[in-house]
C-alpha cells in the first residue's frame, strides 16, 4: 500500500473515532445539552451544545485530537441529526426514501472500495 493511501485510511479511522466519541457523549444519559435539530447549528442552544461537546472531548485522555478535528466531528454529527429530523417531516417522506436508497448504495460502494484499498 502506498504511504498516501495508508495515511488516508488512518485519517478516516481517526475521524470515525472522533465522530463516535461525539455521538456517544451527545447521546449519553448524563448529557442534558443535546442538539435541537429544528434550529440551526449557530443557534444559541446548539452553540452551547457544541461547546459542551468540545470541552468534554478535548479533555478525554482516550482521544487525542486538535480543536478543528473535534469541531468537524461535532458539525458532522449535528448535520446527521438535522437530516434525520428533516426527513421525519411529513412533506419530505418521499425525498427521505430516495435519499436513504441512494445513501445505502453509495455506502456499499465505498465499503467495498475501502476494504480493497486498506486491506493490502
Protein backbone atom coordinates (compact mmCIF):
# COMPACT_ATOMS: atom_id res chain seq x y z
CA UNK A 1 0.00 0.00 0.00
CA UNK A 2 1.34 3.43 -0.84
CA UNK A 3 2.11 5.79 2.01
CA UNK A 4 -0.51 8.27 0.81
CA UNK A 5 -3.28 5.64 0.72
CA UNK A 6 -2.23 4.31 4.11
CA UNK A 7 -2.40 7.84 5.54
CA UNK A 8 -5.88 8.29 4.03
CA UNK A 9 -7.09 5.06 5.65
CA UNK A 10 -5.60 6.09 9.01
CA UNK A 11 -7.17 9.57 8.80
CA UNK A 12 -10.59 8.06 8.03
CA UNK A 13 -10.31 5.71 11.01
CA UNK A 14 -9.20 8.58 13.23
CA UNK A 15 -12.16 10.72 12.10
CA UNK A 16 -14.61 7.91 12.87
CA UNK A 17 -13.09 7.61 16.36
CA UNK A 18 -13.79 11.30 16.94
CA UNK A 19 -17.25 11.12 15.39
CA UNK A 20 -18.03 8.07 17.52
CA UNK A 21 -16.87 9.90 20.66
CA UNK A 22 -19.12 12.87 19.80
CA UNK A 23 -22.06 10.53 19.14
CA UNK A 24 -21.58 8.61 22.42
CA UNK A 25 -21.19 11.74 24.52
CA UNK A 26 -24.10 13.56 22.86
CA UNK A 27 -26.44 10.60 23.36
CA UNK A 28 -25.32 9.67 26.87
CA UNK A 29 -27.96 9.86 29.59
CA UNK A 30 -25.79 12.30 31.54
CA UNK A 31 -25.81 14.86 28.71
CA UNK A 32 -28.52 17.50 29.11
CA UNK A 33 -27.11 19.66 26.29
CA UNK A 34 -28.36 17.94 23.16
CA UNK A 35 -28.65 19.44 19.72
CA UNK A 36 -32.05 20.76 18.74
CA UNK A 37 -32.21 19.84 15.05
CA UNK A 38 -35.17 22.11 14.41
CA UNK A 39 -32.76 25.05 14.90
CA UNK A 40 -29.60 25.90 13.00
CA UNK A 41 -26.14 24.93 14.19
CA UNK A 42 -25.40 28.56 15.08
CA UNK A 43 -28.50 28.94 17.28
CA UNK A 44 -27.62 29.84 20.90
CA UNK A 45 -28.78 26.45 22.21
CA UNK A 46 -26.82 24.45 19.64
CA UNK A 47 -23.71 26.60 20.16
CA UNK A 48 -23.86 25.71 23.87
CA UNK A 49 -24.26 22.02 22.95
CA UNK A 50 -21.23 22.21 20.65
CA UNK A 51 -19.16 24.00 23.31
CA UNK A 52 -20.05 21.33 25.85
CA UNK A 53 -19.07 18.53 23.47
CA UNK A 54 -15.81 20.30 22.57
CA UNK A 55 -14.89 20.79 26.20
CA UNK A 56 -15.71 17.26 27.28
CA UNK A 57 -13.96 15.56 24.35
CA UNK A 58 -10.88 17.77 24.42
CA UNK A 59 -10.07 16.64 27.98
CA UNK A 60 -10.65 12.97 27.22
CA UNK A 61 -7.44 11.01 27.82
CA UNK A 62 -8.53 8.34 25.33
CA UNK A 63 -8.80 10.65 22.34
CA UNK A 64 -6.03 12.83 21.04
CA UNK A 65 -7.35 15.37 18.58
CA UNK A 66 -6.90 19.00 17.79
CA UNK A 67 -9.69 21.53 18.19
CA UNK A 68 -10.55 21.74 14.47
CA UNK A 69 -10.95 17.97 14.19
CA UNK A 70 -13.35 17.87 17.12
CA UNK A 71 -15.34 20.83 15.71
CA UNK A 72 -15.56 18.99 12.40
CA UNK A 73 -16.85 15.84 14.09
CA UNK A 74 -19.43 17.89 16.04
CA UNK A 75 -20.66 19.62 12.88
CA UNK A 76 -20.88 16.31 11.05
CA UNK A 77 -22.91 14.80 13.87
CA UNK A 78 -25.20 17.85 14.02
CA UNK A 79 -25.76 17.61 10.25
CA UNK A 80 -26.79 13.97 10.60
CA UNK A 81 -29.26 14.81 13.39
CA UNK A 82 -30.61 17.70 11.31
CA UNK A 83 -31.03 15.49 8.23
CA UNK A 84 -32.82 12.85 10.29
CA UNK A 85 -35.14 15.50 11.74
CA UNK A 86 -35.93 16.97 8.32
CA UNK A 87 -36.67 13.62 6.74
CA UNK A 88 -39.15 12.82 9.50
CA UNK A 89 -41.27 15.77 8.41
CA UNK A 90 -44.41 14.61 6.51
CA UNK A 91 -43.73 16.77 3.46
CA UNK A 92 -40.30 15.17 2.95
CA UNK A 93 -41.23 11.48 3.28
CA UNK A 94 -40.73 10.62 -0.40
CA UNK A 95 -37.49 12.60 -0.52
CA UNK A 96 -36.28 10.71 2.55
CA UNK A 97 -36.87 7.33 0.90
CA UNK A 98 -34.95 8.40 -2.20
CA UNK A 99 -32.05 9.73 -0.12
CA UNK A 100 -31.96 6.59 2.01
CA UNK A 101 -31.76 4.32 -1.04
CA UNK A 102 -29.07 6.48 -2.63
CA UNK A 103 -27.08 6.66 0.61
CA UNK A 104 -27.18 2.89 1.09
CA UNK A 105 -25.95 2.33 -2.46
CA UNK A 106 -23.08 4.79 -2.00
CA UNK A 107 -22.10 3.23 1.35
CA UNK A 108 -21.94 -0.24 -0.17
CA UNK A 109 -19.68 1.01 -2.95
CA UNK A 110 -17.42 2.90 -0.54
CA UNK A 111 -17.13 -0.03 1.86
CA UNK A 112 -16.24 -2.39 -0.97
CA UNK A 113 -13.65 0.08 -2.29
CA UNK A 114 -12.10 0.92 1.07
CA UNK A 115 -11.82 -2.73 2.07
CA UNK A 116 -9.85 -3.39 -1.08
CA UNK A 117 -7.64 -0.31 -0.65
CA UNK A 118 -6.99 -0.52 3.10
CA UNK A 119 -6.59 -4.29 3.30
CA UNK A 120 -3.40 -4.66 1.37
